N, C-alpha and C. Protein backbone atom coordinates (compact mmCIF):
# COMPACT_ATOMS: atom_id res chain seq x y z
N UNK A 1 0.89 -1.19 0.08
CA UNK A 1 0.17 -0.25 -0.04
C UNK A 1 1.29 0.81 0.05
N UNK A 2 0.46 2.21 -1.01
CA UNK A 2 1.57 3.78 -0.92
C UNK A 2 1.07 3.82 0.55
N UNK A 3 1.49 5.40 0.87
CA UNK A 3 1.44 6.33 1.87
C UNK A 3 0.52 7.49 1.06
N UNK A 4 -0.73 6.84 0.67
CA UNK A 4 -2.09 7.42 0.19
C UNK A 4 -2.65 7.78 1.84
N UNK A 5 -3.23 9.15 2.00
CA UNK A 5 -3.87 10.10 2.64
C UNK A 5 -4.82 8.96 3.56
N UNK A 6 -5.61 8.16 2.85
CA UNK A 6 -6.56 7.86 3.33
C UNK A 6 -6.36 6.32 3.87
N UNK A 7 -5.14 5.48 3.92
CA UNK A 7 -4.39 4.64 4.32
C UNK A 7 -4.22 4.67 6.00
N UNK A 8 -4.70 3.87 6.60
CA UNK A 8 -4.42 3.30 8.17
C UNK A 8 -3.47 4.24 8.68
N UNK A 9 -3.18 4.97 9.90
CA UNK A 9 -1.85 5.53 10.08
C UNK A 9 -0.55 4.78 10.17
N UNK A 10 -0.76 3.19 10.85
CA UNK A 10 0.19 2.39 11.02
C UNK A 10 0.52 1.73 9.44
N UNK A 11 -0.34 2.03 8.29
CA UNK A 11 -0.25 1.38 7.25
C UNK A 11 0.69 2.10 6.23
N UNK A 12 0.36 3.73 6.60
CA UNK A 12 1.19 4.48 5.86
C UNK A 12 2.92 4.56 6.68
N UNK A 13 3.11 4.66 7.93
CA UNK A 13 4.48 4.28 8.73
C UNK A 13 4.94 3.18 8.10
N UNK A 14 4.40 1.60 7.51
CA UNK A 14 5.36 0.72 7.46
C UNK A 14 5.39 1.22 5.74
N UNK A 15 5.10 1.73 4.97
CA UNK A 15 4.97 2.04 3.83
C UNK A 15 6.03 3.28 3.60
N UNK A 16 6.13 4.07 4.38
CA UNK A 16 6.91 4.93 4.74
C UNK A 16 8.77 4.38 5.31
N UNK A 17 8.49 3.78 5.63
CA UNK A 17 9.66 2.64 6.17
C UNK A 17 10.19 1.67 4.96
N UNK A 18 9.20 0.93 4.24
CA UNK A 18 9.93 0.34 2.87
C UNK A 18 10.07 1.59 2.43
N UNK A 19 9.53 2.54 1.83
CA UNK A 19 10.14 3.25 0.78
C UNK A 19 11.35 4.30 1.12
N UNK A 20 11.60 4.39 2.50
CA UNK A 20 12.95 4.61 2.62
C UNK A 20 14.04 4.54 1.94
N UNK A 21 14.13 3.22 1.37
CA UNK A 21 14.96 2.56 0.81
C UNK A 21 15.13 3.31 -0.79
N UNK A 22 16.72 3.72 -0.92
CA UNK A 22 17.02 4.27 -2.59
C UNK A 22 16.12 3.36 -3.55
N UNK A 23 16.13 2.13 -3.40
CA UNK A 23 15.53 1.01 -4.04
C UNK A 23 14.12 1.59 -4.91
N UNK A 24 13.69 1.29 -3.60
CA UNK A 24 12.00 1.43 -3.56
C UNK A 24 11.79 3.15 -4.57
N UNK A 25 12.20 3.78 -4.47
CA UNK A 25 12.06 4.95 -4.87
C UNK A 25 12.83 4.81 -6.43
N UNK A 26 13.63 4.18 -6.87
CA UNK A 26 14.56 4.32 -8.01
C UNK A 26 13.04 3.27 -9.00
N UNK A 27 12.37 2.33 -8.39
CA UNK A 27 11.42 1.75 -8.98
C UNK A 27 10.38 1.88 -9.09
N UNK A 28 9.97 3.57 -8.07
CA UNK A 28 8.88 4.07 -8.69
C UNK A 28 9.11 4.27 -10.15
N UNK A 29 10.10 5.43 -10.24
CA UNK A 29 10.36 6.15 -11.34
C UNK A 29 10.65 5.04 -12.21
N UNK A 30 11.05 4.05 -12.26
CA UNK A 30 10.99 3.10 -13.21
C UNK A 30 9.82 2.79 -13.95
N UNK A 31 8.79 2.47 -13.24
CA UNK A 31 7.53 2.39 -13.72
C UNK A 31 7.39 3.73 -15.09
N UNK A 32 7.78 5.12 -14.15
CA UNK A 32 7.63 5.91 -15.11
C UNK A 32 8.57 6.57 -17.09
N UNK A 33 9.76 5.15 -16.88
CA UNK A 33 10.59 5.93 -17.58
C UNK A 33 10.34 5.18 -18.72
N UNK A 34 9.85 4.45 -19.36
CA UNK A 34 9.06 4.04 -20.45
C UNK A 34 7.93 4.71 -20.89
N UNK A 35 8.41 5.25 -22.66
CA UNK A 35 7.73 5.97 -23.43
C UNK A 35 5.85 6.54 -23.12
N UNK A 36 5.55 5.14 -23.66
CA UNK A 36 4.46 4.38 -23.59
C UNK A 36 3.38 4.26 -22.44
N UNK A 37 4.37 4.02 -21.27
CA UNK A 37 3.54 4.25 -19.99
C UNK A 37 3.33 5.66 -19.81
N UNK A 38 4.38 6.31 -19.97
CA UNK A 38 3.83 7.87 -19.60
C UNK A 38 2.81 8.46 -20.65
N UNK A 39 2.74 8.33 -21.93
CA UNK A 39 2.02 8.77 -22.67
C UNK A 39 0.15 8.16 -22.35
N UNK A 40 0.29 7.07 -21.67
CA UNK A 40 -0.99 6.68 -21.54
C UNK A 40 -0.90 6.66 -20.10
N UNK A 41 -0.15 7.13 -19.34
CA UNK A 41 -0.64 7.64 -18.06
C UNK A 41 -1.29 9.32 -18.06
N UNK A 42 -0.60 10.09 -18.88
CA UNK A 42 -0.92 10.77 -19.20
C UNK A 42 -2.53 11.30 -19.66
N UNK A 43 -2.50 10.52 -20.74
CA UNK A 43 -4.27 10.52 -21.67
C UNK A 43 -5.13 9.55 -20.40
N UNK A 44 -4.50 8.83 -19.32
CA UNK A 44 -5.48 8.52 -18.16
C UNK A 44 -6.04 9.80 -17.00
N UNK A 45 -4.84 10.70 -16.84
CA UNK A 45 -5.08 11.79 -16.32
C UNK A 45 -6.41 12.68 -16.61
N UNK A 46 -6.45 12.98 -17.70
CA UNK A 46 -7.71 14.04 -18.82
C UNK A 46 -8.64 13.03 -18.30
N UNK A 47 -9.09 11.49 -18.40
CA UNK A 47 -10.63 11.29 -18.30
C UNK A 47 -10.14 9.56 -17.80
N UNK A 48 -11.32 9.54 -17.02
CA UNK A 48 -11.46 7.74 -17.17
C UNK A 48 -11.22 7.11 -18.33
N UNK A 49 -10.46 5.87 -18.80
CA UNK A 49 -10.30 5.00 -20.22
C UNK A 49 -10.25 4.04 -20.06
N UNK A 50 -10.78 3.61 -21.09
CA UNK A 50 -10.48 1.86 -21.27
C UNK A 50 -9.57 1.66 -22.27
N UNK A 51 -9.50 0.02 -21.91
CA UNK A 51 -7.66 -0.03 -22.57
C UNK A 51 -8.29 -0.23 -24.01
N UNK A 52 -9.21 -0.36 -24.56
CA UNK A 52 -9.76 0.00 -26.19
C UNK A 52 -9.29 1.52 -26.58
N UNK A 53 -9.59 2.50 -25.84
CA UNK A 53 -9.45 3.79 -26.22
C UNK A 53 -7.55 3.93 -26.00
N UNK A 54 -6.87 3.56 -24.70
CA UNK A 54 -5.74 3.50 -25.04
C UNK A 54 -5.18 2.24 -26.10
N UNK A 55 -5.81 1.85 -26.79
CA UNK A 55 -4.90 0.96 -28.11
C UNK A 55 -4.79 2.07 -29.01
N UNK A 56 -6.14 2.77 -29.10
CA UNK A 56 -6.54 4.15 -30.03
C UNK A 56 -5.29 5.34 -29.84
N UNK A 57 -5.50 5.41 -29.05
CA UNK A 57 -4.36 6.61 -28.38
C UNK A 57 -2.59 6.39 -28.62
N UNK A 58 -2.73 4.91 -28.76
CA UNK A 58 -1.15 5.06 -28.14
C UNK A 58 -0.42 4.03 -29.55
N UNK A 59 -1.91 3.67 -30.18
CA UNK A 59 -1.28 2.70 -31.89
C UNK A 59 -0.80 1.29 -31.46
N UNK A 60 -0.67 1.17 -30.49
CA UNK A 60 0.08 -0.23 -30.17
C UNK A 60 -1.05 -1.27 -29.82
N UNK A 61 -0.35 -2.77 -29.98
CA UNK A 61 -1.57 -3.78 -29.83
C UNK A 61 -2.03 -3.85 -28.32
N UNK A 62 -3.27 -4.38 -28.30
CA UNK A 62 -3.88 -4.46 -27.44
C UNK A 62 -3.23 -5.87 -26.14
N UNK A 63 -2.95 -6.57 -26.83
CA UNK A 63 -1.63 -7.07 -24.98
C UNK A 63 -0.49 -6.12 -24.64
N UNK A 64 0.28 -5.28 -25.82
CA UNK A 64 1.14 -4.36 -25.32
C UNK A 64 0.53 -3.27 -24.35
N UNK A 65 -0.97 -3.05 -24.79
CA UNK A 65 -1.43 -2.26 -23.74
C UNK A 65 -1.51 -2.41 -22.36
N UNK A 66 -2.51 -3.79 -22.44
CA UNK A 66 -2.97 -4.53 -21.54
C UNK A 66 -1.59 -4.71 -20.41
N UNK A 67 -0.02 -4.85 -20.70
CA UNK A 67 0.90 -5.39 -19.79
C UNK A 67 0.89 -3.60 -19.47
N UNK A 68 1.35 -2.88 -19.96
CA UNK A 68 1.15 -1.61 -19.14
C UNK A 68 0.21 -1.46 -18.71
N UNK A 69 -0.93 -0.94 -18.79
CA UNK A 69 -1.66 -0.61 -17.72
C UNK A 69 -1.49 -1.43 -16.40
N UNK A 70 -1.34 -2.85 -16.64
CA UNK A 70 -1.29 -3.58 -15.45
C UNK A 70 0.05 -3.05 -15.13
N UNK A 71 1.15 -2.84 -15.13
CA UNK A 71 2.23 -2.43 -14.44
C UNK A 71 1.38 -1.02 -13.74
N UNK A 72 1.37 0.02 -14.77
CA UNK A 72 0.29 1.46 -14.07
C UNK A 72 -0.38 0.75 -12.74
N UNK A 73 -0.89 0.22 -12.95
CA UNK A 73 -2.02 -0.56 -11.95
C UNK A 73 -1.17 -0.90 -10.63
N UNK A 74 -0.54 -2.32 -10.92
CA UNK A 74 0.36 -3.23 -10.17
C UNK A 74 1.42 -1.97 -9.02
N UNK A 75 1.98 -0.91 -9.83
CA UNK A 75 2.91 0.36 -9.28
C UNK A 75 2.20 1.37 -8.32
N UNK A 76 0.63 1.01 -8.99
CA UNK A 76 0.18 2.23 -7.55
C UNK A 76 -0.75 3.76 -8.60
N UNK A 77 -0.27 3.48 -9.84
CA UNK A 77 -0.71 4.99 -10.22
C UNK A 77 -2.09 5.77 -10.94
N UNK A 78 -2.16 3.91 -11.46
CA UNK A 78 -3.98 3.61 -11.95
C UNK A 78 -4.64 2.66 -11.22
N UNK A 79 -5.65 3.40 -10.87
CA UNK A 79 -7.24 1.94 -10.62
C UNK A 79 -7.61 1.74 -11.73
N UNK A 80 -7.97 0.11 -11.66
CA UNK A 80 -9.00 -0.46 -12.40
C UNK A 80 -10.86 -0.33 -11.82
N UNK A 81 -11.51 -0.23 -12.50
CA UNK A 81 -12.89 -0.39 -12.30
C UNK A 81 -13.80 -0.77 -13.24
N UNK A 82 -14.36 -2.26 -12.47
CA UNK A 82 -15.09 -2.85 -13.55
C UNK A 82 -16.63 -2.36 -13.91
N UNK A 83 -16.80 -2.41 -14.97
CA UNK A 83 -18.09 -1.76 -15.51
C UNK A 83 -18.63 -2.78 -16.63
N UNK A 84 -19.26 -3.54 -16.37
CA UNK A 84 -19.64 -4.58 -17.06
C UNK A 84 -18.42 -5.58 -17.47
N UNK A 85 -18.22 -5.76 -18.94
CA UNK A 85 -17.20 -6.81 -19.61
C UNK A 85 -16.19 -5.88 -19.82
N UNK A 86 -15.79 -4.56 -19.08
CA UNK A 86 -14.58 -3.51 -19.60
C UNK A 86 -14.17 -3.23 -17.99
N UNK A 87 -13.17 -2.51 -18.10
CA UNK A 87 -12.04 -2.24 -17.39
C UNK A 87 -12.34 -0.79 -17.57
N UNK A 88 -12.14 0.33 -16.44
CA UNK A 88 -12.13 1.20 -16.65
C UNK A 88 -10.96 1.93 -16.10
N UNK A 89 -10.18 2.58 -16.88
CA UNK A 89 -8.68 2.82 -16.02
C UNK A 89 -9.02 4.59 -15.42
N UNK A 90 -8.26 5.15 -14.45
CA UNK A 90 -8.35 5.96 -13.81
C UNK A 90 -7.15 6.51 -12.98
N UNK A 91 -6.89 7.75 -12.27
CA UNK A 91 -5.66 7.75 -11.55
C UNK A 91 -6.37 7.75 -10.10
N UNK A 92 -5.87 7.25 -9.51
CA UNK A 92 -6.71 7.02 -8.21
C UNK A 92 -5.79 8.09 -7.19
N UNK A 93 -4.79 8.90 -7.20
CA UNK A 93 -4.07 9.57 -6.23
C UNK A 93 -3.87 11.08 -6.69
N UNK A 94 -4.35 11.98 -7.01
CA UNK A 94 -4.29 13.44 -7.47
C UNK A 94 -2.67 13.65 -7.67
N UNK A 95 -1.88 13.42 -6.56
CA UNK A 95 -0.76 13.63 -6.84
C UNK A 95 -0.10 13.21 -8.10
N UNK A 96 -0.59 12.40 -8.50
CA UNK A 96 0.46 11.39 -9.98
C UNK A 96 0.29 12.83 -10.91
N UNK A 97 -1.12 13.54 -10.99
CA UNK A 97 -0.70 14.73 -11.92
C UNK A 97 0.09 15.56 -11.51
N UNK A 98 0.08 16.20 -10.25
CA UNK A 98 1.19 17.01 -10.14
C UNK A 98 2.86 16.61 -10.23
N UNK A 99 2.82 15.34 -10.01
CA UNK A 99 4.14 14.44 -10.51
C UNK A 99 4.44 14.81 -11.97
N UNK A 100 3.53 14.78 -12.99
CA UNK A 100 3.75 14.75 -14.18
C UNK A 100 4.24 15.94 -14.62
N UNK A 101 3.25 16.61 -13.64
CA UNK A 101 3.31 18.41 -14.51
C UNK A 101 5.35 18.65 -13.57
N UNK A 102 4.85 18.31 -12.64
CA UNK A 102 6.52 18.84 -12.43
C UNK A 102 7.54 18.07 -13.11
N UNK A 103 7.57 17.06 -13.45
CA UNK A 103 8.17 16.22 -14.42
C UNK A 103 8.33 17.12 -15.67
N UNK A 104 7.83 17.29 -16.21
CA UNK A 104 7.40 17.85 -17.86
C UNK A 104 8.40 19.27 -17.44
N UNK A 105 7.94 19.72 -16.32
CA UNK A 105 8.72 21.47 -16.26
C UNK A 105 10.12 21.12 -15.87
N UNK A 106 10.66 20.21 -15.10
CA UNK A 106 11.60 19.98 -14.90
C UNK A 106 12.83 18.99 -16.27
N UNK A 107 11.61 18.61 -16.98
CA UNK A 107 12.58 18.10 -18.12
C UNK A 107 12.78 19.10 -19.18
N UNK A 108 11.99 20.07 -19.23
CA UNK A 108 11.68 20.87 -20.11
C UNK A 108 13.21 21.61 -19.75
N UNK A 109 13.13 22.13 -18.86
CA UNK A 109 14.37 22.94 -18.16
C UNK A 109 15.87 22.30 -18.16
N UNK A 110 15.48 21.24 -18.34
CA UNK A 110 16.88 20.46 -18.52
C UNK A 110 16.86 19.60 -19.74
N UNK A 111 16.06 19.98 -20.57
CA UNK A 111 16.53 19.62 -22.25
C UNK A 111 17.63 18.87 -22.68
N UNK A 112 18.09 20.18 -22.60
CA UNK A 112 19.93 20.00 -23.62
C UNK A 112 20.53 19.00 -22.47
N UNK A 113 21.04 19.21 -21.19
CA UNK A 113 21.86 18.15 -20.50
C UNK A 113 20.86 16.74 -21.11
N UNK A 114 19.81 16.75 -20.47
CA UNK A 114 19.19 15.63 -21.10
C UNK A 114 19.37 14.65 -22.36
N UNK A 115 19.31 15.69 -23.26
CA UNK A 115 19.73 15.03 -24.91
C UNK A 115 21.24 14.50 -24.51
N UNK A 116 21.79 15.39 -24.14
CA UNK A 116 23.78 14.75 -24.13
C UNK A 116 24.09 13.68 -23.14
N UNK A 117 23.02 13.50 -22.11
CA UNK A 117 23.31 12.57 -21.28
C UNK A 117 23.55 11.22 -21.79
N UNK A 118 25.02 10.33 -21.66
CA UNK A 118 25.32 9.74 -22.46
C UNK A 118 25.02 8.41 -21.20
N UNK A 119 24.53 8.56 -19.98
CA UNK A 119 24.46 7.11 -19.00
C UNK A 119 23.31 6.73 -19.24
N UNK A 120 22.14 7.70 -19.35
CA UNK A 120 21.12 7.01 -19.33
C UNK A 120 20.81 6.84 -20.70
N UNK A 121 20.62 5.36 -21.54
CA UNK A 121 20.25 5.43 -23.20
C UNK A 121 18.39 5.73 -23.38
N UNK A 122 18.42 6.11 -24.60
CA UNK A 122 17.07 6.60 -24.67
C UNK A 122 16.06 4.85 -24.19
N UNK A 123 15.26 5.32 -23.86
CA UNK A 123 13.93 4.30 -23.68
C UNK A 123 13.10 4.28 -25.02
N UNK A 124 13.37 2.12 -24.81
CA UNK A 124 12.50 1.66 -26.25
C UNK A 124 11.25 1.85 -26.23
N UNK A 125 10.85 2.22 -27.33
CA UNK A 125 9.43 2.80 -27.71
C UNK A 125 8.38 1.31 -28.51
N UNK A 126 7.20 1.04 -28.31
CA UNK A 126 6.50 -0.05 -28.12
C UNK A 126 6.04 -0.17 -30.01
């Protein structure tokens, strides 16, 4: 469970202890390091979406979209809601939107340095 404001106090304290390790925080960012997942997350931020809408938006296959949506759900960025035979995806924590806006601003301010960085290879695209 994440350190979500509605989680019980003891649960939030345990989550903070687990997340005090750099490896956990690095995993948090690795979930966003895939350009397709990031585009899907930004698409879902605007409104609740189905996987079919994500397929149309990204232009990748349904199985690949499902893998990316599963990752976003498993990592806590997105929640799924059953609506008949469909799953509808939305962002469960409004702080995710703040994170994306901040990341875009920081990346824009550091675009030249990021483009020249040889330590981090460009991400693969689906």
